[in-house]
């Protein structure tokens, strides 16, 4: 009887854990949905906040793979084949990672979507491109993805802007 009660309690607790409202997380979910040249692109991510922390080189270390968001791995989905910085990327859903550095970042599209960057494997990369880092025109308290009229997708957080071209 005690085992049954214990199992039921654990089951109820696990249901509560998995039913958690993602919007109440400290890093809430967000989505960029856009169309570039008739190709639908969606980026699903969670928005960490600066909260007075030093981000680049500290919270997010230079030279290490980062999931480009918080909580689950950031997902990048394209409805049709595209070119990222002139390199082909087939239609599909990808894990989106970056390797930040002071002057340039490596943008990574990986075929396996898992939790965070803990189980990242470079041999599962589909595409890597290197792009320069720029100073953002304003301060971004929360990580944000935007698309410009120049058909560039930008990651913006704190005082950093990193963009890559889509065709």
N, C-alpha and C. Protein backbone atom coordinates (compact mmCIF):
# COMPACT_ATOMS: atom_id res chain seq x y z
N UNK A 1 0.81 -1.19 0.00
CA UNK A 1 0.00 0.00 0.00
C UNK A 1 0.86 1.26 0.00
N UNK A 2 1.91 1.25 0.82
CA UNK A 2 2.80 2.41 0.89
C UNK A 2 3.47 2.67 -0.46
N UNK A 3 3.84 1.58 -1.16
CA UNK A 3 4.47 1.72 -2.47
C UNK A 3 3.49 2.34 -3.47
N UNK A 4 2.24 1.94 -3.40
CA UNK A 4 1.22 2.48 -4.30
C UNK A 4 1.03 3.97 -4.07
N UNK A 5 0.94 4.37 -2.82
CA UNK A 5 0.78 5.79 -2.49
C UNK A 5 2.01 6.57 -2.94
N UNK A 6 3.19 6.03 -2.70
CA UNK A 6 4.42 6.69 -3.13
C UNK A 6 4.46 6.84 -4.65
N UNK A 7 4.10 5.78 -5.37
CA UNK A 7 4.09 5.84 -6.83
C UNK A 7 3.08 6.86 -7.34
N UNK A 8 1.89 6.89 -6.74
CA UNK A 8 0.88 7.88 -7.14
C UNK A 8 1.35 9.30 -6.86
N UNK A 9 1.98 9.51 -5.73
CA UNK A 9 2.51 10.83 -5.39
C UNK A 9 3.57 11.26 -6.40
N UNK A 10 4.49 10.35 -6.72
CA UNK A 10 5.52 10.67 -7.71
C UNK A 10 4.92 10.94 -9.08
N UNK A 11 3.90 10.19 -9.45
CA UNK A 11 3.23 10.40 -10.73
C UNK A 11 2.58 11.78 -10.77
N UNK A 12 1.88 12.16 -9.72
CA UNK A 12 1.24 13.47 -9.67
C UNK A 12 2.26 14.61 -9.70
N UNK A 13 3.36 14.44 -8.99
CA UNK A 13 4.41 15.46 -9.00
C UNK A 13 5.04 15.59 -10.38
N UNK A 14 5.26 14.47 -11.06
CA UNK A 14 5.85 14.54 -12.40
C UNK A 14 4.89 15.17 -13.39
N UNK A 15 3.59 14.92 -13.25
CA UNK A 15 2.61 15.57 -14.13
C UNK A 15 2.64 17.08 -13.89
N UNK A 16 2.69 17.48 -12.63
CA UNK A 16 2.76 18.91 -12.30
C UNK A 16 4.02 19.55 -12.90
N UNK A 17 5.15 18.85 -12.80
CA UNK A 17 6.41 19.37 -13.34
C UNK A 17 6.33 19.57 -14.85
N UNK A 18 5.81 18.57 -15.56
CA UNK A 18 5.76 18.66 -17.01
C UNK A 18 4.66 19.58 -17.51
N UNK A 19 3.67 19.85 -16.68
CA UNK A 19 2.57 20.73 -17.07
C UNK A 19 2.87 22.18 -16.73
N UNK A 20 4.07 22.47 -16.27
CA UNK A 20 4.46 23.82 -15.89
C UNK A 20 4.22 24.79 -17.03
N UNK A 21 3.67 25.94 -16.70
CA UNK A 21 3.44 26.99 -17.69
C UNK A 21 4.78 27.62 -18.05
N UNK A 22 5.21 27.43 -19.28
CA UNK A 22 6.51 27.94 -19.71
C UNK A 22 6.58 29.46 -19.65
N UNK A 23 5.44 30.13 -19.75
CA UNK A 23 5.42 31.60 -19.74
C UNK A 23 5.81 32.16 -18.37
N UNK A 24 5.74 31.35 -17.32
CA UNK A 24 6.09 31.83 -15.98
C UNK A 24 7.56 31.61 -15.65
N UNK A 25 8.30 31.02 -16.56
CA UNK A 25 9.73 30.79 -16.32
C UNK A 25 10.48 32.12 -16.27
N UNK A 26 11.62 32.16 -15.58
CA UNK A 26 12.44 33.38 -15.59
C UNK A 26 12.90 33.77 -17.00
N UNK A 27 13.08 32.76 -17.87
CA UNK A 27 13.42 33.00 -19.28
C UNK A 27 12.24 32.50 -20.12
N UNK A 28 11.26 33.36 -20.36
CA UNK A 28 10.03 32.92 -21.03
C UNK A 28 10.26 32.54 -22.49
N UNK A 29 9.37 31.70 -23.04
CA UNK A 29 9.50 31.32 -24.45
C UNK A 29 9.16 32.49 -25.37
N UNK A 30 9.79 32.49 -26.54
CA UNK A 30 9.53 33.51 -27.56
C UNK A 30 9.67 32.85 -28.92
N UNK A 31 9.19 33.55 -29.92
CA UNK A 31 9.26 32.99 -31.28
C UNK A 31 9.40 34.13 -32.28
N UNK A 32 10.31 33.95 -33.23
CA UNK A 32 10.40 34.82 -34.40
C UNK A 32 9.81 34.03 -35.56
N UNK A 33 8.79 34.57 -36.19
CA UNK A 33 8.18 33.95 -37.36
C UNK A 33 8.26 34.97 -38.48
N UNK A 34 8.85 34.58 -39.60
CA UNK A 34 9.01 35.51 -40.71
C UNK A 34 8.93 34.76 -42.03
N UNK A 35 8.84 35.53 -43.10
CA UNK A 35 8.88 34.97 -44.44
C UNK A 35 9.91 35.77 -45.23
N UNK A 36 10.85 35.06 -45.82
CA UNK A 36 11.89 35.70 -46.64
C UNK A 36 11.84 35.05 -48.00
N UNK A 37 11.53 35.85 -49.01
CA UNK A 37 11.40 35.35 -50.39
C UNK A 37 10.46 34.14 -50.48
N UNK A 38 9.34 34.22 -49.75
CA UNK A 38 8.35 33.15 -49.79
C UNK A 38 8.71 31.92 -48.99
N UNK A 39 9.76 32.00 -48.20
CA UNK A 39 10.20 30.86 -47.39
C UNK A 39 9.92 31.18 -45.92
N UNK A 40 9.13 30.35 -45.29
CA UNK A 40 8.77 30.55 -43.90
C UNK A 40 9.93 30.13 -43.00
N UNK A 41 10.27 31.00 -42.04
CA UNK A 41 11.34 30.72 -41.08
C UNK A 41 10.79 30.98 -39.69
N UNK A 42 11.02 30.02 -38.78
CA UNK A 42 10.58 30.15 -37.40
C UNK A 42 11.76 29.85 -36.49
N UNK A 43 11.97 30.72 -35.51
CA UNK A 43 12.98 30.49 -34.48
C UNK A 43 12.24 30.42 -33.15
N UNK A 44 12.30 29.25 -32.50
CA UNK A 44 11.72 29.06 -31.17
C UNK A 44 12.85 29.09 -30.16
N UNK A 45 12.71 29.96 -29.16
CA UNK A 45 13.79 30.13 -28.18
C UNK A 45 13.21 30.61 -26.86
N UNK A 46 14.02 30.67 -25.84
CA UNK A 46 13.64 31.27 -24.57
C UNK A 46 14.52 32.48 -24.34
N UNK A 47 13.94 33.51 -23.69
CA UNK A 47 14.58 34.81 -23.56
C UNK A 47 15.21 35.03 -22.18
N UNK A 48 16.48 34.71 -22.01
CA UNK A 48 17.12 35.06 -20.74
C UNK A 48 17.25 36.57 -20.63
N UNK A 49 17.35 37.05 -19.40
CA UNK A 49 17.52 38.49 -19.14
C UNK A 49 18.93 38.77 -18.64
N UNK A 50 19.38 39.99 -18.85
CA UNK A 50 20.70 40.40 -18.37
C UNK A 50 20.72 40.42 -16.84
N UNK A 51 19.71 41.01 -16.23
CA UNK A 51 19.61 41.07 -14.77
C UNK A 51 20.89 41.57 -14.10
N UNK A 52 21.55 42.55 -14.70
CA UNK A 52 22.75 43.12 -14.11
C UNK A 52 23.99 42.26 -14.22
N UNK A 53 23.91 41.15 -14.94
CA UNK A 53 25.05 40.23 -15.07
C UNK A 53 25.93 40.62 -16.26
N UNK A 54 27.19 40.22 -16.20
CA UNK A 54 28.09 40.37 -17.33
C UNK A 54 27.86 39.15 -18.23
N UNK A 55 27.41 39.40 -19.45
CA UNK A 55 26.97 38.30 -20.31
C UNK A 55 28.13 37.69 -21.09
N UNK A 56 28.71 38.48 -21.99
CA UNK A 56 29.67 37.94 -22.97
C UNK A 56 31.04 37.73 -22.36
N UNK A 57 31.49 36.51 -22.43
CA UNK A 57 32.79 36.13 -21.86
C UNK A 57 32.67 35.68 -20.42
N UNK A 58 31.52 35.88 -19.81
CA UNK A 58 31.30 35.46 -18.41
C UNK A 58 30.16 34.47 -18.33
N UNK A 59 28.89 34.97 -18.30
CA UNK A 59 27.74 34.07 -18.25
C UNK A 59 27.72 33.17 -19.48
N UNK A 60 27.98 33.76 -20.64
CA UNK A 60 28.12 33.00 -21.88
C UNK A 60 29.61 33.06 -22.25
N UNK A 61 30.35 32.00 -21.98
CA UNK A 61 31.81 32.02 -22.20
C UNK A 61 32.17 32.12 -23.69
N UNK A 62 33.25 32.81 -23.97
CA UNK A 62 33.77 32.85 -25.34
C UNK A 62 34.37 31.49 -25.69
N UNK A 63 34.27 31.15 -26.96
CA UNK A 63 34.90 29.95 -27.47
C UNK A 63 34.20 28.64 -27.15
N UNK A 64 32.98 28.72 -26.56
CA UNK A 64 32.24 27.51 -26.22
C UNK A 64 30.87 27.52 -26.88
N UNK A 65 30.38 26.34 -27.20
CA UNK A 65 29.06 26.22 -27.83
C UNK A 65 27.99 26.70 -26.84
N UNK A 66 27.08 27.54 -27.33
CA UNK A 66 25.96 28.06 -26.54
C UNK A 66 24.67 27.81 -27.30
N UNK A 67 23.62 27.50 -26.62
CA UNK A 67 22.33 27.16 -27.24
C UNK A 67 21.56 28.35 -27.79
N UNK A 68 22.13 29.54 -27.72
CA UNK A 68 21.53 30.76 -28.30
C UNK A 68 20.16 31.06 -27.73
N UNK A 69 20.01 30.82 -26.45
CA UNK A 69 18.78 31.07 -25.72
C UNK A 69 18.90 30.42 -24.36
N UNK A 70 17.77 30.20 -23.72
CA UNK A 70 17.75 29.54 -22.41
C UNK A 70 16.84 28.33 -22.47
N UNK A 71 16.85 27.55 -21.41
CA UNK A 71 15.98 26.37 -21.29
C UNK A 71 16.29 25.38 -22.41
N UNK A 72 15.28 25.04 -23.22
CA UNK A 72 15.50 24.08 -24.31
C UNK A 72 16.43 24.68 -25.37
N UNK A 73 16.96 23.82 -26.20
CA UNK A 73 17.78 24.27 -27.32
C UNK A 73 16.94 25.14 -28.24
N UNK A 74 17.52 26.20 -28.76
CA UNK A 74 16.84 27.04 -29.74
C UNK A 74 16.64 26.23 -31.02
N UNK A 75 15.43 26.32 -31.59
CA UNK A 75 15.10 25.57 -32.81
C UNK A 75 14.92 26.54 -33.97
N UNK A 76 15.49 26.21 -35.11
CA UNK A 76 15.41 27.01 -36.33
C UNK A 76 14.73 26.13 -37.38
N UNK A 77 13.59 26.58 -37.90
CA UNK A 77 12.84 25.81 -38.88
C UNK A 77 12.67 26.63 -40.15
N UNK A 78 12.93 26.01 -41.30
CA UNK A 78 12.70 26.66 -42.58
C UNK A 78 11.83 25.74 -43.44
N UNK A 79 10.83 26.34 -44.09
CA UNK A 79 9.88 25.56 -44.88
C UNK A 79 10.45 25.12 -46.23
N UNK A 80 11.45 25.85 -46.71
CA UNK A 80 12.06 25.54 -48.00
C UNK A 80 13.57 25.69 -47.88
N UNK A 81 14.30 25.19 -48.87
CA UNK A 81 15.75 25.35 -48.89
C UNK A 81 16.09 26.84 -48.90
N UNK A 82 17.12 27.21 -48.14
CA UNK A 82 17.59 28.59 -48.09
C UNK A 82 19.11 28.62 -48.20
N UNK A 83 19.64 29.83 -48.30
CA UNK A 83 21.09 30.02 -48.21
C UNK A 83 21.35 30.92 -47.01
N UNK A 84 22.27 30.50 -46.17
CA UNK A 84 22.68 31.27 -45.00
C UNK A 84 24.10 31.74 -45.26
N UNK A 85 24.27 33.06 -45.36
CA UNK A 85 25.59 33.62 -45.70
C UNK A 85 26.14 32.96 -46.96
N UNK A 86 25.25 32.67 -47.92
CA UNK A 86 25.66 32.10 -49.20
C UNK A 86 25.84 30.59 -49.21
N UNK A 87 25.62 29.93 -48.07
CA UNK A 87 25.79 28.47 -48.00
C UNK A 87 24.42 27.80 -47.87
N UNK A 88 24.24 26.69 -48.58
CA UNK A 88 22.95 26.01 -48.65
C UNK A 88 22.55 25.36 -47.33
N UNK A 89 21.26 25.52 -47.00
CA UNK A 89 20.66 24.84 -45.86
C UNK A 89 19.32 24.29 -46.33
N UNK A 90 19.16 22.99 -46.27
CA UNK A 90 17.92 22.33 -46.72
C UNK A 90 16.76 22.65 -45.79
N UNK A 91 15.56 22.58 -46.34
CA UNK A 91 14.36 22.76 -45.53
C UNK A 91 14.38 21.76 -44.38
N UNK A 92 13.90 22.20 -43.22
CA UNK A 92 13.84 21.31 -42.07
C UNK A 92 13.91 22.05 -40.77
N UNK A 93 14.00 21.28 -39.69
CA UNK A 93 14.10 21.83 -38.34
C UNK A 93 15.47 21.49 -37.78
N UNK A 94 16.15 22.49 -37.25
CA UNK A 94 17.52 22.35 -36.77
C UNK A 94 17.68 22.90 -35.36
N UNK A 95 18.61 22.33 -34.62
CA UNK A 95 19.07 22.95 -33.38
C UNK A 95 19.97 24.10 -33.80
N UNK A 96 19.79 25.24 -33.16
CA UNK A 96 20.55 26.45 -33.51
C UNK A 96 21.50 26.76 -32.36
N UNK A 97 22.79 26.70 -32.64
CA UNK A 97 23.82 26.99 -31.66
C UNK A 97 24.73 28.10 -32.19
N UNK A 98 25.50 28.69 -31.29
CA UNK A 98 26.52 29.65 -31.68
C UNK A 98 27.76 29.39 -30.83
N UNK A 99 28.90 29.82 -31.35
CA UNK A 99 30.12 29.88 -30.56
C UNK A 99 30.53 31.34 -30.56
N UNK A 100 30.24 32.06 -29.47
CA UNK A 100 30.57 33.49 -29.42
C UNK A 100 32.05 33.72 -29.14
N UNK A 101 32.57 34.75 -29.76
CA UNK A 101 33.91 35.26 -29.49
C UNK A 101 33.82 36.78 -29.51
N UNK A 102 34.87 37.46 -29.16
CA UNK A 102 34.82 38.92 -29.06
C UNK A 102 34.55 39.59 -30.41
N UNK A 103 35.14 39.11 -31.49
CA UNK A 103 35.04 39.80 -32.78
C UNK A 103 34.20 39.08 -33.81
N UNK A 104 34.02 37.77 -33.67
CA UNK A 104 33.19 37.03 -34.62
C UNK A 104 32.57 35.83 -33.92
N UNK A 105 31.46 35.39 -34.48
CA UNK A 105 30.75 34.23 -33.95
C UNK A 105 30.62 33.17 -35.02
N UNK A 106 30.57 31.94 -34.58
CA UNK A 106 30.25 30.83 -35.48
C UNK A 106 28.78 30.50 -35.26
N UNK A 107 28.02 30.54 -36.33
CA UNK A 107 26.60 30.20 -36.32
C UNK A 107 26.49 28.74 -36.75
N UNK A 108 25.75 27.93 -35.98
CA UNK A 108 25.70 26.50 -36.21
C UNK A 108 24.25 26.02 -36.35
N UNK A 109 24.01 25.25 -37.40
CA UNK A 109 22.74 24.55 -37.59
C UNK A 109 23.06 23.07 -37.43
N UNK A 110 22.44 22.44 -36.44
CA UNK A 110 22.75 21.07 -36.06
C UNK A 110 21.50 20.21 -36.23
N UNK A 111 21.68 18.97 -36.66
CA UNK A 111 20.52 18.13 -36.98
C UNK A 111 19.81 17.55 -35.77
N UNK A 112 20.37 17.63 -34.57
CA UNK A 112 19.76 16.99 -33.41
C UNK A 112 19.34 18.01 -32.37
N UNK A 113 18.04 18.08 -32.12
CA UNK A 113 17.51 19.00 -31.11
C UNK A 113 17.39 18.25 -29.80
N UNK A 114 18.14 18.71 -28.80
CA UNK A 114 18.14 18.11 -27.46
C UNK A 114 18.06 19.25 -26.46
N UNK A 115 18.07 18.91 -25.18
CA UNK A 115 18.02 19.92 -24.13
C UNK A 115 19.37 20.64 -24.04
N UNK A 116 19.37 21.96 -24.18
CA UNK A 116 20.58 22.75 -24.00
C UNK A 116 21.69 22.39 -24.97
N UNK A 117 22.92 22.67 -24.58
CA UNK A 117 24.08 22.37 -25.41
C UNK A 117 24.92 21.25 -24.79
N UNK A 118 24.39 20.61 -23.76
CA UNK A 118 25.15 19.61 -23.03
C UNK A 118 25.48 18.38 -23.86
N UNK A 119 24.57 18.03 -24.76
CA UNK A 119 24.79 16.83 -25.57
C UNK A 119 25.14 17.18 -27.02
N UNK A 120 25.59 18.41 -27.24
CA UNK A 120 25.97 18.87 -28.58
C UNK A 120 27.11 18.01 -29.13
N UNK A 121 26.99 17.65 -30.40
CA UNK A 121 28.05 16.90 -31.08
C UNK A 121 28.35 17.59 -32.41
N UNK A 122 29.58 18.00 -32.58
CA UNK A 122 29.98 18.72 -33.79
C UNK A 122 29.75 17.89 -35.05
N UNK A 123 29.90 16.58 -34.96
CA UNK A 123 29.71 15.75 -36.16
C UNK A 123 28.24 15.71 -36.62
N UNK A 124 27.33 16.30 -35.84
CA UNK A 124 25.93 16.41 -36.25
C UNK A 124 25.61 17.78 -36.85
N UNK A 125 26.63 18.62 -37.01
CA UNK A 125 26.42 19.93 -37.64
C UNK A 125 26.07 19.75 -39.11
N UNK A 126 25.10 20.52 -39.56
CA UNK A 126 24.70 20.53 -40.96
C UNK A 126 25.36 21.71 -41.68
N UNK A 127 25.49 22.83 -40.95
CA UNK A 127 26.07 24.04 -41.54
C UNK A 127 26.69 24.90 -40.45
N UNK A 128 27.84 25.48 -40.77
CA UNK A 128 28.51 26.46 -39.91
C UNK A 128 28.90 27.66 -40.77
N UNK A 129 28.64 28.86 -40.25
CA UNK A 129 29.10 30.07 -40.92
C UNK A 129 29.68 30.99 -39.85
N UNK A 130 30.60 31.83 -40.25
CA UNK A 130 31.22 32.78 -39.33
C UNK A 130 30.78 34.19 -39.71
N UNK A 131 30.35 34.95 -38.69
CA UNK A 131 29.85 36.31 -38.92
C UNK A 131 30.47 37.26 -37.89
N UNK A 132 30.58 38.55 -38.24
CA UNK A 132 31.16 39.51 -37.30
C UNK A 132 30.18 39.90 -36.19
N UNK A 133 30.72 40.34 -35.08
CA UNK A 133 29.94 40.87 -33.97
C UNK A 133 29.89 42.39 -34.11
N UNK A 134 28.71 42.95 -33.85
CA UNK A 134 28.55 44.41 -33.89
C UNK A 134 27.98 44.88 -32.57
N UNK A 135 28.13 46.16 -32.32
CA UNK A 135 27.50 46.77 -31.15
C UNK A 135 26.06 47.08 -31.51
N UNK A 136 25.13 46.67 -30.68
CA UNK A 136 23.72 46.96 -30.91
C UNK A 136 23.46 48.45 -30.73
N UNK A 137 22.46 48.97 -31.43
CA UNK A 137 22.13 50.40 -31.35
C UNK A 137 21.50 50.77 -30.03
N UNK A 138 20.97 49.77 -29.33
CA UNK A 138 20.40 50.01 -28.01
C UNK A 138 20.66 48.80 -27.13
N UNK A 139 20.37 48.93 -25.85
CA UNK A 139 20.55 47.85 -24.89
C UNK A 139 19.33 46.93 -24.94
N UNK A 140 19.57 45.62 -24.97
CA UNK A 140 18.50 44.61 -24.97
C UNK A 140 18.58 43.84 -23.66
N UNK A 141 17.63 44.08 -22.76
CA UNK A 141 17.59 43.37 -21.48
C UNK A 141 17.34 41.87 -21.71
N UNK A 142 16.46 41.56 -22.64
CA UNK A 142 16.16 40.15 -22.95
C UNK A 142 16.69 39.79 -24.33
N UNK A 143 17.17 38.56 -24.45
CA UNK A 143 17.60 38.04 -25.74
C UNK A 143 16.45 38.15 -26.72
N UNK A 144 16.74 38.68 -27.90
CA UNK A 144 15.72 38.91 -28.92
C UNK A 144 16.26 38.54 -30.29
N UNK A 145 15.41 37.93 -31.11
CA UNK A 145 15.74 37.68 -32.51
C UNK A 145 14.85 38.59 -33.35
N UNK A 146 15.46 39.22 -34.38
CA UNK A 146 14.73 40.11 -35.27
C UNK A 146 15.14 39.82 -36.70
N UNK A 147 14.29 40.23 -37.65
CA UNK A 147 14.62 40.14 -39.06
C UNK A 147 14.57 41.56 -39.63
N UNK A 148 15.53 41.90 -40.48
CA UNK A 148 15.59 43.24 -41.06
C UNK A 148 15.07 43.24 -42.49
N UNK A 149 14.89 44.43 -43.02
CA UNK A 149 14.47 44.57 -44.42
C UNK A 149 15.56 44.09 -45.38
N UNK A 150 16.79 43.94 -44.87
CA UNK A 150 17.90 43.44 -45.69
C UNK A 150 17.95 41.91 -45.71
N UNK A 151 16.91 41.28 -45.14
CA UNK A 151 16.81 39.82 -45.07
C UNK A 151 17.92 39.21 -44.22
N UNK A 152 18.21 39.90 -43.12
CA UNK A 152 19.16 39.41 -42.14
C UNK A 152 18.42 39.07 -40.86
N UNK A 153 18.79 37.96 -40.27
CA UNK A 153 18.27 37.61 -38.96
C UNK A 153 19.34 38.00 -37.95
N UNK A 154 18.92 38.70 -36.90
CA UNK A 154 19.87 39.16 -35.89
C UNK A 154 19.52 38.60 -34.52
N UNK A 155 20.56 38.20 -33.79
CA UNK A 155 20.48 37.87 -32.39
C UNK A 155 20.93 39.12 -31.66
N UNK A 156 20.10 39.62 -30.75
CA UNK A 156 20.40 40.85 -30.01
C UNK A 156 20.26 40.58 -28.51
N UNK A 157 21.32 40.87 -27.77
CA UNK A 157 21.23 40.73 -26.32
C UNK A 157 22.31 41.59 -25.70
N UNK A 158 21.95 42.28 -24.65
CA UNK A 158 22.82 43.22 -23.97
C UNK A 158 23.20 44.29 -24.99
N UNK A 159 24.47 44.47 -25.28
CA UNK A 159 24.90 45.47 -26.27
C UNK A 159 25.43 44.83 -27.55
N UNK A 160 25.08 43.58 -27.79
CA UNK A 160 25.63 42.82 -28.91
C UNK A 160 24.57 42.56 -29.98
N UNK A 161 25.01 42.63 -31.22
CA UNK A 161 24.17 42.28 -32.38
C UNK A 161 25.00 41.38 -33.28
N UNK A 162 24.43 40.21 -33.59
CA UNK A 162 25.07 39.26 -34.49
C UNK A 162 24.03 38.92 -35.56
N UNK A 163 24.38 39.17 -36.82
CA UNK A 163 23.41 38.98 -37.93
C UNK A 163 23.95 38.03 -38.97
N UNK A 164 23.02 37.31 -39.62
CA UNK A 164 23.38 36.46 -40.75
C UNK A 164 22.33 36.62 -41.84
N UNK A 165 22.81 36.62 -43.11
CA UNK A 165 21.95 36.84 -44.26
C UNK A 165 21.26 35.55 -44.70
N UNK A 166 20.00 35.71 -45.10
CA UNK A 166 19.19 34.60 -45.61
C UNK A 166 18.77 34.91 -47.04
N UNK A 167 18.93 33.96 -47.94
CA UNK A 167 18.44 34.11 -49.32
C UNK A 167 17.66 32.89 -49.72
